[in-house]
């Protein structure tokens, strides 16, 4: 654990709808008397490895890598949500969308003998695609994993893969800079799937005041995305230095479900991932709800109903 009072070592991804970029680009942490050192990682599994080494206090991670880490003996806890339904699928020219195919089995079957690209094995996108193939009995479609999600667009353009699963930014990139299209929107892949959570090693739970202050800032950032997405998009664009505000707004609109709460729907969808991960052979045993979550902190910061389904302001 970080020994410096009021300072957190935080691991995050390049995913622009996470609050990490808002906390980096605003004074929301300062208002809580907090400072942070930020480290960018290629994927959730990489953040888990860094937490195992003791290099991080807190991480922005999809829940499947967390469950896999717990199965391997790590004492982790998801202490807040942030966003749900953050996986989309894109496909190249000539491919049918889900709507054009009629159902998921027909959509996936069109890729017979070919490959669908995802971020690394154990990432939420990888797990969702593998589960859909398993669920629909499709055995002749390969899942090809890439170390960075940024590689997926190039792989699609080069013909290495015919479709890809990733964050909403993947769909925006495909539409802006390539010939691919949004083939399956986020609400048609896995209802209420927990695209990321705020995760700590359980020894960090001793620092309840520190974490409560962080979650207060995190919740304020979620509220900024919901109520003032244009301002939030501008901050994210400036902080990343990689995209413009319109790019971020388009990603927000594709997948508009933001909140810091951990409601029953979030938890039950996570527990479906546990069953899927065991069926796929990614974990060796059922992982219990109490092993994954500690909801006491976020329930103090965000009491009452969640706001995931409220969407974002126009």
C-alpha atoms as a PDB file:
ATOM      1  CA  UNK A   1       0.000   0.000   0.000  1.00  0.00           C
ATOM      2  CA  UNK A   2       1.068   3.557  -0.651  1.00  0.00           C
ATOM      3  CA  UNK A   3       2.583   5.002   2.531  1.00  0.00           C
ATOM      4  CA  UNK A   4       2.035   8.638   1.620  1.00  0.00           C
ATOM      5  CA  UNK A   5      -1.139  10.043   3.257  1.00  0.00           C
ATOM      6  CA  UNK A   6      -3.748  11.169   0.771  1.00  0.00           C
ATOM      7  CA  UNK A   7      -1.919   9.750  -2.250  1.00  0.00           C
ATOM      8  CA  UNK A   8      -3.049   6.819  -4.368  1.00  0.00           C
ATOM      9  CA  UNK A   9      -1.199   4.766  -6.976  1.00  0.00           C
ATOM     10  CA  UNK A  10      -3.842   4.133  -9.622  1.00  0.00           C
ATOM     11  CA  UNK A  11      -3.758   1.828 -12.636  1.00  0.00           C
ATOM     12  CA  UNK A  12      -6.069   2.609 -15.545  1.00  0.00           C
ATOM     13  CA  UNK A  13      -6.749   1.770 -19.171  1.00  0.00           C
ATOM     14  CA  UNK A  14      -7.001   3.927 -22.280  1.00  0.00           C
ATOM     15  CA  UNK A  15     -10.799   3.549 -22.114  1.00  0.00           C
ATOM     16  CA  UNK A  16     -12.053   7.101 -22.398  1.00  0.00           C
ATOM     17  CA  UNK A  17     -15.410   6.615 -20.664  1.00  0.00           C
ATOM     18  CA  UNK A  18     -13.711   5.607 -17.410  1.00  0.00           C
ATOM     19  CA  UNK A  19     -13.559   8.445 -14.892  1.00  0.00           C
ATOM     20  CA  UNK A  20      -9.761   8.183 -14.743  1.00  0.00           C
ATOM     21  CA  UNK A  21      -9.277  10.857 -17.401  1.00  0.00           C
ATOM     22  CA  UNK A  22     -11.760  13.189 -15.715  1.00  0.00           C
ATOM     23  CA  UNK A  23     -10.035  12.804 -12.360  1.00  0.00           C
ATOM     24  CA  UNK A  24      -6.685  13.454 -14.029  1.00  0.00           C
ATOM     25  CA  UNK A  25      -7.977  16.529 -15.865  1.00  0.00           C
ATOM     26  CA  UNK A  26     -10.033  18.241 -13.134  1.00  0.00           C
ATOM     27  CA  UNK A  27      -9.666  19.236  -9.478  1.00  0.00           C
ATOM     28  CA  UNK A  28     -12.136  16.596  -8.257  1.00  0.00           C
ATOM     29  CA  UNK A  29      -9.412  14.701  -6.374  1.00  0.00           C
ATOM     30  CA  UNK A  30      -7.913  17.929  -5.024  1.00  0.00           C
ATOM     31  CA  UNK A  31     -11.282  18.828  -3.517  1.00  0.00           C
ATOM     32  CA  UNK A  32     -11.097  15.598  -1.520  1.00  0.00           C
ATOM     33  CA  UNK A  33      -7.551  16.262  -0.360  1.00  0.00           C
ATOM     34  CA  UNK A  34      -6.169  13.515  -2.583  1.00  0.00           C
ATOM     35  CA  UNK A  35      -3.323  13.203  -5.046  1.00  0.00           C
ATOM     36  CA  UNK A  36      -2.597  10.326  -7.405  1.00  0.00           C
ATOM     37  CA  UNK A  37       0.101   8.819  -9.531  1.00  0.00           C
ATOM     38  CA  UNK A  38      -1.396   7.318 -12.673  1.00  0.00           C
ATOM     39  CA  UNK A  39      -0.127   4.366 -14.720  1.00  0.00           C
ATOM     40  CA  UNK A  40      -1.586   3.354 -18.071  1.00  0.00           C
ATOM     41  CA  UNK A  41      -1.889  -0.386 -18.799  1.00  0.00           C
ATOM     42  CA  UNK A  42      -2.815  -2.303 -21.968  1.00  0.00           C
ATOM     43  CA  UNK A  43      -5.531  -4.404 -20.306  1.00  0.00           C
ATOM     44  CA  UNK A  44      -7.284  -5.394 -17.081  1.00  0.00           C
ATOM     45  CA  UNK A  45      -5.185  -8.566 -16.661  1.00  0.00           C
ATOM     46  CA  UNK A  46      -2.049  -6.373 -16.739  1.00  0.00           C
ATOM     47  CA  UNK A  47      -3.465  -4.217 -13.934  1.00  0.00           C
ATOM     48  CA  UNK A  48      -4.211  -7.343 -11.888  1.00  0.00           C
ATOM     49  CA  UNK A  49      -0.571  -8.436 -12.293  1.00  0.00           C
ATOM     50  CA  UNK A  50       0.631  -5.016 -11.101  1.00  0.00           C
ATOM     51  CA  UNK A  51      -1.671  -5.187  -8.076  1.00  0.00           C
ATOM     52  CA  UNK A  52      -0.296  -8.637  -7.289  1.00  0.00           C
ATOM     53  CA  UNK A  53       3.229  -7.176  -7.303  1.00  0.00           C
ATOM     54  CA  UNK A  54       2.136  -4.451  -4.876  1.00  0.00           C
ATOM     55  CA  UNK A  55       2.681  -1.679  -7.427  1.00  0.00           C
ATOM     56  CA  UNK A  56      -0.858  -0.218  -7.253  1.00  0.00           C
ATOM     57  CA  UNK A  57      -3.397   0.761  -4.621  1.00  0.00           C
ATOM     58  CA  UNK A  58      -6.427   0.883  -6.895  1.00  0.00           C
ATOM     59  CA  UNK A  59      -7.372  -0.083 -10.430  1.00  0.00           C
ATOM     60  CA  UNK A  60     -10.007   0.512 -13.106  1.00  0.00           C
ATOM     61  CA  UNK A  61     -10.715  -3.045 -14.236  1.00  0.00           C
ATOM     62  CA  UNK A  62     -13.349  -5.161 -15.947  1.00  0.00           C
ATOM     63  CA  UNK A  63     -14.753  -7.755 -13.564  1.00  0.00           C
ATOM     64  CA  UNK A  64     -13.682 -10.960 -15.392  1.00  0.00           C
ATOM     65  CA  UNK A  65      -9.953 -10.305 -14.784  1.00  0.00           C
ATOM     66  CA  UNK A  66     -10.791  -9.623 -11.129  1.00  0.00           C
ATOM     67  CA  UNK A  67     -12.631 -12.944 -10.823  1.00  0.00           C
ATOM     68  CA  UNK A  68      -9.714 -14.760 -12.471  1.00  0.00           C
ATOM     69  CA  UNK A  69      -7.313 -13.043 -10.057  1.00  0.00           C
ATOM     70  CA  UNK A  70      -9.374 -14.138  -7.057  1.00  0.00           C
ATOM     71  CA  UNK A  71      -9.375 -17.703  -8.370  1.00  0.00           C
ATOM     72  CA  UNK A  72      -5.572 -17.516  -8.451  1.00  0.00           C
ATOM     73  CA  UNK A  73      -5.448 -16.515  -4.801  1.00  0.00           C
ATOM     74  CA  UNK A  74      -5.466 -12.703  -4.876  1.00  0.00           C
ATOM     75  CA  UNK A  75      -7.462 -10.950  -2.188  1.00  0.00           C
ATOM     76  CA  UNK A  76      -9.305  -8.372  -4.321  1.00  0.00           C
ATOM     77  CA  UNK A  77     -12.465  -6.363  -3.800  1.00  0.00           C
ATOM     78  CA  UNK A  78     -14.628  -4.384  -6.209  1.00  0.00           C
ATOM     79  CA  UNK A  79     -15.734  -1.342  -4.202  1.00  0.00           C
ATOM     80  CA  UNK A  80     -17.687   0.621  -6.854  1.00  0.00           C
ATOM     81  CA  UNK A  81     -19.050   0.488 -10.358  1.00  0.00           C
ATOM     82  CA  UNK A  82     -18.725   3.117 -13.064  1.00  0.00           C
ATOM     83  CA  UNK A  83     -20.305   1.926 -16.298  1.00  0.00           C
ATOM     84  CA  UNK A  84     -22.251  -1.014 -17.726  1.00  0.00           C
ATOM     85  CA  UNK A  85     -22.665  -2.436 -21.228  1.00  0.00           C
ATOM     86  CA  UNK A  86     -19.357  -1.185 -22.561  1.00  0.00           C
ATOM     87  CA  UNK A  87     -18.643  -3.883 -25.148  1.00  0.00           C
ATOM     88  CA  UNK A  88     -19.580  -3.477 -28.814  1.00  0.00           C
ATOM     89  CA  UNK A  89     -18.843  -5.527 -31.903  1.00  0.00           C
ATOM     90  CA  UNK A  90     -17.751  -4.097 -35.225  1.00  0.00           C
ATOM     91  CA  UNK A  91     -17.488  -5.915 -38.549  1.00  0.00           C
ATOM     92  CA  UNK A  92     -15.888  -5.306 -41.904  1.00  0.00           C
ATOM     93  CA  UNK A  93     -17.522  -4.466 -45.244  1.00  0.00           C
ATOM     94  CA  UNK A  94     -19.820  -7.150 -46.574  1.00  0.00           C
ATOM     95  CA  UNK A  95     -20.654  -8.502 -43.116  1.00  0.00           C
ATOM     96  CA  UNK A  96     -24.215  -8.432 -41.834  1.00  0.00           C
ATOM     97  CA  UNK A  97     -25.087  -6.582 -38.648  1.00  0.00           C
ATOM     98  CA  UNK A  98     -27.031  -8.295 -35.883  1.00  0.00           C
ATOM     99  CA  UNK A  99     -30.202  -6.566 -37.062  1.00  0.00           C
ATOM    100  CA  UNK A 100     -29.648  -7.731 -40.637  1.00  0.00           C
ATOM    101  CA  UNK A 101     -28.867 -11.278 -39.474  1.00  0.00           C
ATOM    102  CA  UNK A 102     -32.033 -11.702 -37.419  1.00  0.00           C
ATOM    103  CA  UNK A 103     -30.432 -13.305 -34.359  1.00  0.00           C
ATOM    104  CA  UNK A 104     -27.064 -13.754 -32.672  1.00  0.00           C
ATOM    105  CA  UNK A 105     -26.448 -17.284 -33.940  1.00  0.00           C
ATOM    106  CA  UNK A 106     -26.939 -16.231 -37.556  1.00  0.00           C
ATOM    107  CA  UNK A 107     -24.759 -13.171 -36.999  1.00  0.00           C
ATOM    108  CA  UNK A 108     -21.861 -15.199 -35.570  1.00  0.00           C
ATOM    109  CA  UNK A 109     -22.239 -18.043 -38.076  1.00  0.00           C
ATOM    110  CA  UNK A 110     -21.389 -15.745 -40.983  1.00  0.00           C
ATOM    111  CA  UNK A 111     -17.787 -15.720 -39.681  1.00  0.00           C
ATOM    112  CA  UNK A 112     -17.345 -19.487 -40.069  1.00  0.00           C
ATOM    113  CA  UNK A 113     -13.689 -20.392 -40.610  1.00  0.00           C
ATOM    114  CA  UNK A 114     -12.538 -16.873 -39.722  1.00  0.00           C
ATOM    115  CA  UNK A 115     -11.428 -14.935 -36.649  1.00  0.00           C
ATOM    116  CA  UNK A 116     -12.979 -12.365 -34.325  1.00  0.00           C
ATOM    117  CA  UNK A 117     -10.474 -10.100 -32.575  1.00  0.00           C
ATOM    118  CA  UNK A 118     -10.605  -9.065 -28.921  1.00  0.00           C
ATOM    119  CA  UNK A 119      -8.258  -7.609 -26.289  1.00  0.00           C
ATOM    120  CA  UNK A 120      -6.238 -10.138 -24.213  1.00  0.00           C
ATOM    121  CA  UNK A 121      -7.548 -13.479 -22.968  1.00  0.00           C
ATOM    122  CA  UNK A 122      -9.522 -12.951 -19.777  1.00  0.00           C
ATOM    123  CA  UNK A 123     -10.600  -9.403 -20.682  1.00  0.00           C
ATOM    124  CA  UNK A 124     -14.328  -8.734 -20.540  1.00  0.00           C
ATOM    125  CA  UNK A 125     -14.538  -8.498 -24.339  1.00  0.00           C
ATOM    126  CA  UNK A 126     -12.758 -11.826 -24.812  1.00  0.00           C
ATOM    127  CA  UNK A 127     -15.050 -13.533 -22.304  1.00  0.00           C
ATOM    128  CA  UNK A 128     -18.236 -12.155 -23.871  1.00  0.00           C
ATOM    129  CA  UNK A 129     -17.283 -13.318 -27.378  1.00  0.00           C
ATOM    130  CA  UNK A 130     -16.207 -16.762 -26.182  1.00  0.00           C
ATOM    131  CA  UNK A 131     -19.423 -17.163 -24.214  1.00  0.00           C
ATOM    132  CA  UNK A 132     -21.592 -16.161 -27.189  1.00  0.00           C
ATOM    133  CA  UNK A 133     -19.815 -18.710 -29.394  1.00  0.00           C
ATOM    134  CA  UNK A 134     -20.202 -21.390 -26.712  1.00  0.00           C
ATOM    135  CA  UNK A 135     -23.838 -20.521 -26.032  1.00  0.00           C
ATOM    136  CA  UNK A 136     -24.759 -20.803 -29.715  1.00  0.00           C
ATOM    137  CA  UNK A 137     -22.710 -23.930 -30.374  1.00  0.00           C
ATOM    138  CA  UNK A 138     -20.365 -22.282 -32.887  1.00  0.00           C
ATOM    139  CA  UNK A 139     -17.020 -24.085 -32.952  1.00  0.00           C
ATOM    140  CA  UNK A 140     -15.473 -22.968 -36.243  1.00  0.00           C
ATOM    141  CA  UNK A 141     -14.957 -19.285 -35.405  1.00  0.00           C
ATOM    142  CA  UNK A 142     -11.599 -18.389 -33.813  1.00  0.00           C
ATOM    143  CA  UNK A 143     -11.095 -15.747 -31.147  1.00  0.00           C
ATOM    144  CA  UNK A 144      -7.800 -13.921 -31.707  1.00  0.00           C
ATOM    145  CA  UNK A 145      -6.456 -11.905 -28.781  1.00  0.00           C
ATOM    146  CA  UNK A 146      -4.405  -8.717 -29.103  1.00  0.00           C
ATOM    147  CA  UNK A 147      -2.266  -7.165 -26.338  1.00  0.00           C
ATOM    148  CA  UNK A 148      -3.648  -3.656 -26.970  1.00  0.00           C
ATOM    149  CA  UNK A 149      -7.214  -2.894 -28.038  1.00  0.00           C
ATOM    150  CA  UNK A 150      -5.747  -0.253 -30.352  1.00  0.00           C
ATOM    151  CA  UNK A 151      -4.461  -3.050 -32.614  1.00  0.00           C
ATOM    152  CA  UNK A 152      -7.970  -4.273 -33.469  1.00  0.00           C
ATOM    153  CA  UNK A 153      -8.823  -1.656 -36.089  1.00  0.00           C
ATOM    154  CA  UNK A 154      -5.604  -2.314 -38.011  1.00  0.00           C
ATOM    155  CA  UNK A 155      -6.158  -6.081 -37.814  1.00  0.00           C
ATOM    156  CA  UNK A 156      -9.634  -5.622 -39.254  1.00  0.00           C
ATOM    157  CA  UNK A 157      -8.367  -3.403 -42.040  1.00  0.00           C
ATOM    158  CA  UNK A 158      -5.619  -5.888 -42.947  1.00  0.00           C
ATOM    159  CA  UNK A 159      -8.007  -8.847 -43.012  1.00  0.00           C
ATOM    160  CA  UNK A 160      -6.443 -10.715 -40.078  1.00  0.00           C
ATOM    161  CA  UNK A 161      -9.892 -10.675 -38.482  1.00  0.00           C
ATOM    162  CA  UNK A 162     -13.389 -10.103 -39.877  1.00  0.00           C
ATOM    163  CA  UNK A 163     -14.962  -8.648 -36.724  1.00  0.00           C
ATOM    164  CA  UNK A 164     -13.816  -7.313 -33.373  1.00  0.00           C
ATOM    165  CA  UNK A 165     -15.157  -6.735 -29.878  1.00  0.00           C
ATOM    166  CA  UNK A 166     -14.052  -3.820 -27.756  1.00  0.00           C
ATOM    167  CA  UNK A 167     -15.106  -0.541 -26.197  1.00  0.00           C
ATOM    168  CA  UNK A 168     -17.330   2.089 -27.869  1.00  0.00           C
ATOM    169  CA  UNK A 169     -14.178   3.919 -28.985  1.00  0.00           C
ATOM    170  CA  UNK A 170     -13.501   0.979 -31.293  1.00  0.00           C
ATOM    171  CA  UNK A 171     -16.778   1.644 -33.097  1.00  0.00           C
ATOM    172  CA  UNK A 172     -16.046   5.367 -33.354  1.00  0.00           C
ATOM    173  CA  UNK A 173     -12.564   4.677 -34.731  1.00  0.00           C
ATOM    174  CA  UNK A 174     -13.941   2.181 -37.246  1.00  0.00           C
ATOM    175  CA  UNK A 175     -16.562   4.640 -38.446  1.00  0.00           C
ATOM    176  CA  UNK A 176     -14.181   7.603 -38.667  1.00  0.00           C
ATOM    177  CA  UNK A 177     -11.015   6.080 -39.988  1.00  0.00           C
ATOM    178  CA  UNK A 178     -11.885   2.724 -41.511  1.00  0.00           C
ATOM    179  CA  UNK A 179     -14.551   0.907 -43.449  1.00  0.00           C
ATOM    180  CA  UNK A 180     -15.951  -1.161 -40.572  1.00  0.00           C
ATOM    181  CA  UNK A 181     -19.355  -0.597 -38.999  1.00  0.00           C
ATOM    182  CA  UNK A 182     -21.038  -1.039 -35.638  1.00  0.00           C
ATOM    183  CA  UNK A 183     -22.471  -4.550 -35.967  1.00  0.00           C
ATOM    184  CA  UNK A 184     -23.792  -5.250 -32.454  1.00  0.00           C
ATOM    185  CA  UNK A 185     -24.632  -2.377 -30.080  1.00  0.00           C
ATOM    186  CA  UNK A 186     -23.683  -2.716 -26.398  1.00  0.00           C
ATOM    187  CA  UNK A 187     -27.177  -3.432 -25.058  1.00  0.00           C
ATOM    188  CA  UNK A 188     -27.537  -6.506 -27.310  1.00  0.00           C
ATOM    189  CA  UNK A 189     -24.473  -8.433 -26.155  1.00  0.00           C
ATOM    190  CA  UNK A 190     -24.846  -9.027 -22.415  1.00  0.00           C
ATOM    191  CA  UNK A 191     -27.457  -7.035 -20.458  1.00  0.00           C
ATOM    192  CA  UNK A 192     -26.052  -4.895 -17.633  1.00  0.00           C
ATOM    193  CA  UNK A 193     -22.570  -6.370 -18.031  1.00  0.00           C
ATOM    194  CA  UNK A 194     -20.182  -4.589 -15.637  1.00  0.00           C
ATOM    195  CA  UNK A 195     -17.739  -3.032 -18.074  1.00  0.00           C
ATOM    196  CA  UNK A 196     -15.521  -1.809 -15.257  1.00  0.00           C
ATOM    197  CA  UNK A 197     -15.321  -1.466 -11.526  1.00  0.00           C
ATOM    198  CA  UNK A 198     -13.076   0.254  -8.996  1.00  0.00           C
ATOM    199  CA  UNK A 199     -10.955  -2.520  -7.521  1.00  0.00           C
ATOM    200  CA  UNK A 200      -8.486  -2.684  -4.613  1.00  0.00           C
ATOM    201  CA  UNK A 201      -6.498  -5.300  -2.782  1.00  0.00           C
ATOM    202  CA  UNK A 202      -8.503  -6.074   0.360  1.00  0.00           C
ATOM    203  CA  UNK A 203      -5.762  -4.782   2.645  1.00  0.00           C
ATOM    204  CA  UNK A 204      -6.626  -1.317   1.267  1.00  0.00           C
ATOM    205  CA  UNK A 205     -10.067  -1.573   2.881  1.00  0.00           C
ATOM    206  CA  UNK A 206      -8.361  -0.572   6.125  1.00  0.00           C
ATOM    207  CA  UNK A 207      -7.985   2.910   4.607  1.00  0.00           C
ATOM    208  CA  UNK A 208     -11.707   3.580   4.549  1.00  0.00           C
ATOM    209  CA  UNK A 209     -11.481   7.362   4.754  1.00  0.00           C
ATOM    210  CA  UNK A 210      -9.028   7.498   1.852  1.00  0.00           C
ATOM    211  CA  UNK A 211     -11.197   5.237  -0.314  1.00  0.00           C
ATOM    212  CA  UNK A 212     -14.400   7.055   0.631  1.00  0.00           C
ATOM    213  CA  UNK A 213     -12.868  10.333  -0.517  1.00  0.00           C
ATOM    214  CA  UNK A 214     -11.737   8.744  -3.776  1.00  0.00           C
ATOM    215  CA  UNK A 215     -15.214   7.295  -4.396  1.00  0.00           C
ATOM    216  CA  UNK A 216     -16.770  10.709  -3.724  1.00  0.00           C
ATOM    217  CA  UNK A 217     -14.618  12.138  -6.524  1.00  0.00           C
ATOM    218  CA  UNK A 218     -15.350   9.139  -8.760  1.00  0.00           C
ATOM    219  CA  UNK A 219     -19.102   9.543  -8.246  1.00  0.00           C
ATOM    220  CA  UNK A 220     -18.848  13.262  -9.049  1.00  0.00           C
ATOM    221  CA  UNK A 221     -17.058  12.387 -12.294  1.00  0.00           C
ATOM    222  CA  UNK A 222     -19.789   9.870 -13.211  1.00  0.00           C
ATOM    223  CA  UNK A 223     -22.349  12.599 -12.593  1.00  0.00           C
ATOM    224  CA  UNK A 224     -20.406  14.978 -14.833  1.00  0.00           C
ATOM    225  CA  UNK A 225     -20.602  12.472 -17.690  1.00  0.00           C
ATOM    226  CA  UNK A 226     -24.354  12.041 -17.183  1.00  0.00           C
ATOM    227  CA  UNK A 227     -25.324  15.690 -16.660  1.00  0.00           C
ATOM    228  CA  UNK A 228     -22.675  17.622 -18.602  1.00  0.00           C
ATOM    229  CA  UNK A 229     -21.223  15.203 -21.152  1.00  0.00           C
ATOM    230  CA  UNK A 230     -19.979  17.989 -23.424  1.00  0.00           C
ATOM    231  CA  UNK A 231     -17.759  19.420 -20.686  1.00  0.00           C
ATOM    232  CA  UNK A 232     -16.628  15.941 -19.684  1.00  0.00           C
ATOM    233  CA  UNK A 233     -15.786  15.110 -23.299  1.00  0.00           C
ATOM    234  CA  UNK A 234     -13.701  18.264 -23.579  1.00  0.00           C
ATOM    235  CA  UNK A 235     -11.727  17.384 -20.448  1.00  0.00           C
ATOM    236  CA  UNK A 236     -11.126  13.812 -21.635  1.00  0.00           C
ATOM    237  CA  UNK A 237     -10.013  14.966 -25.083  1.00  0.00           C
ATOM    238  CA  UNK A 238      -7.566  17.475 -23.583  1.00  0.00           C
ATOM    239  CA  UNK A 239      -6.255  14.989 -21.009  1.00  0.00           C
ATOM    240  CA  UNK A 240      -5.656  12.177 -23.484  1.00  0.00           C
ATOM    241  CA  UNK A 241      -4.358  14.430 -26.240  1.00  0.00           C
ATOM    242  CA  UNK A 242      -5.321  11.672 -28.684  1.00  0.00           C
ATOM    243  CA  UNK A 243      -8.892  12.436 -29.789  1.00  0.00           C
ATOM    244  CA  UNK A 244     -11.222  15.414 -30.076  1.00  0.00           C
ATOM    245  CA  UNK A 245     -14.269  16.118 -27.918  1.00  0.00           C
ATOM    246  CA  UNK A 246     -16.681  14.992 -30.647  1.00  0.00           C
ATOM    247  CA  UNK A 247     -14.983  11.578 -30.659  1.00  0.00           C
ATOM    248  CA  UNK A 248     -15.537  11.242 -26.893  1.00  0.00           C
ATOM    249  CA  UNK A 249     -19.164  12.408 -27.170  1.00  0.00           C
ATOM    250  CA  UNK A 250     -19.840   9.814 -29.831  1.00  0.00           C
ATOM    251  CA  UNK A 251     -18.438   7.105 -27.547  1.00  0.00           C
ATOM    252  CA  UNK A 252     -20.628   8.361 -24.677  1.00  0.00           C
ATOM    253  CA  UNK A 253     -23.726   8.185 -26.879  1.00  0.00           C
ATOM    254  CA  UNK A 254     -22.998   4.670 -28.122  1.00  0.00           C
ATOM    255  CA  UNK A 255     -22.842   3.388 -24.532  1.00  0.00           C
ATOM    256  CA  UNK A 256     -24.579   5.875 -22.209  1.00  0.00           C
ATOM    257  CA  UNK A 257     -24.933   3.990 -18.879  1.00  0.00           C
ATOM    258  CA  UNK A 258     -22.819   5.648 -16.149  1.00  0.00           C
ATOM    259  CA  UNK A 259     -22.993   5.464 -12.363  1.00  0.00           C
ATOM    260  CA  UNK A 260     -20.723   4.557  -9.434  1.00  0.00           C
ATOM    261  CA  UNK A 261     -23.249   2.364  -7.626  1.00  0.00           C
ATOM    262  CA  UNK A 262     -23.187  -1.428  -7.245  1.00  0.00           C
ATOM    263  CA  UNK A 263     -26.892  -2.319  -7.594  1.00  0.00           C
ATOM    264  CA  UNK A 264     -28.266  -5.892  -7.616  1.00  0.00           C
ATOM    265  CA  UNK A 265     -28.372  -5.901 -11.440  1.00  0.00           C
ATOM    266  CA  UNK A 266     -24.636  -5.164 -11.609  1.00  0.00           C
ATOM    267  CA  UNK A 267     -23.865  -7.892  -9.084  1.00  0.00           C
ATOM    268  CA  UNK A 268     -26.099 -10.533 -10.692  1.00  0.00           C
ATOM    269  CA  UNK A 269     -24.578  -9.875 -14.121  1.00  0.00           C
ATOM    270  CA  UNK A 270     -21.132 -10.286 -12.583  1.00  0.00           C
ATOM    271  CA  UNK A 271     -22.162 -13.596 -11.056  1.00  0.00           C
ATOM    272  CA  UNK A 272     -23.227 -14.756 -14.523  1.00  0.00           C
ATOM    273  CA  UNK A 273     -19.641 -14.057 -15.564  1.00  0.00           C
ATOM    274  CA  UNK A 274     -18.479 -16.396 -12.779  1.00  0.00           C
ATOM    275  CA  UNK A 275     -20.508 -19.252 -14.257  1.00  0.00           C
ATOM    276  CA  UNK A 276     -19.259 -18.431 -17.744  1.00  0.00           C
ATOM    277  CA  UNK A 277     -15.623 -18.237 -16.666  1.00  0.00           C
ATOM    278  CA  UNK A 278     -15.882 -21.642 -15.031  1.00  0.00           C
ATOM    279  CA  UNK A 279     -17.596 -23.152 -18.089  1.00  0.00           C
ATOM    280  CA  UNK A 280     -14.837 -21.746 -20.315  1.00  0.00           C
ATOM    281  CA  UNK A 281     -12.127 -23.135 -18.032  1.00  0.00           C
ATOM    282  CA  UNK A 282     -10.815 -19.689 -17.052  1.00  0.00           C
ATOM    283  CA  UNK A 283     -11.365 -20.355 -13.327  1.00  0.00           C
ATOM    284  CA  UNK A 284     -11.237 -23.553 -11.298  1.00  0.00           C
ATOM    285  CA  UNK A 285     -14.145 -23.015  -8.896  1.00  0.00           C
ATOM    286  CA  UNK A 286     -17.234 -20.875  -8.310  1.00  0.00           C
ATOM    287  CA  UNK A 287     -16.236 -17.515  -6.824  1.00  0.00           C
ATOM    288  CA  UNK A 288     -18.716 -16.142  -4.287  1.00  0.00           C
ATOM    289  CA  UNK A 289     -20.311 -12.715  -4.375  1.00  0.00           C
ATOM    290  CA  UNK A 290     -18.729 -11.796  -1.042  1.00  0.00           C
ATOM    291  CA  UNK A 291     -15.297 -12.682  -2.448  1.00  0.00           C
ATOM    292  CA  UNK A 292     -15.738 -10.180  -5.283  1.00  0.00           C
ATOM    293  CA  UNK A 293     -17.565  -7.221  -3.740  1.00  0.00           C
ATOM    294  CA  UNK A 294     -17.355  -4.926  -0.757  1.00  0.00           C
ATOM    295  CA  UNK A 295     -20.309  -2.565  -1.174  1.00  0.00           C
ATOM    296  CA  UNK A 296     -20.086  -0.807   2.187  1.00  0.00           C
ATOM    297  CA  UNK A 297     -18.103   2.187   0.941  1.00  0.00           C
ATOM    298  CA  UNK A 298     -20.109   2.987  -2.174  1.00  0.00           C
ATOM    299  CA  UNK A 299     -23.394   2.517  -0.322  1.00  0.00           C
ATOM    300  CA  UNK A 300     -22.285   5.312   2.016  1.00  0.00           C
ATOM    301  CA  UNK A 301     -21.173   7.545  -0.872  1.00  0.00           C
ATOM    302  CA  UNK A 302     -24.065   6.680  -3.225  1.00  0.00           C
ATOM    303  CA  UNK A 303     -27.146   5.621  -1.245  1.00  0.00           C
ATOM    304  CA  UNK A 304     -30.465   5.063  -2.981  1.00  0.00           C
ATOM    305  CA  UNK A 305     -31.267   4.105  -6.567  1.00  0.00           C
ATOM    306  CA  UNK A 306     -28.619   3.705  -9.245  1.00  0.00           C
ATOM    307  CA  UNK A 307     -28.521   5.900 -12.365  1.00  0.00           C
ATOM    308  CA  UNK A 308     -27.189   3.523 -15.024  1.00  0.00           C
ATOM    309  CA  UNK A 309     -30.434   3.532 -16.961  1.00  0.00           C
ATOM    310  CA  UNK A 310     -30.874   7.312 -16.822  1.00  0.00           C
ATOM    311  CA  UNK A 311     -28.564   7.864 -19.804  1.00  0.00           C
ATOM    312  CA  UNK A 312     -26.745  11.123 -20.509  1.00  0.00           C
ATOM    313  CA  UNK A 313     -28.044  14.648 -21.098  1.00  0.00           C
ATOM    314  CA  UNK A 314     -28.281  15.886 -24.681  1.00  0.00           C
END
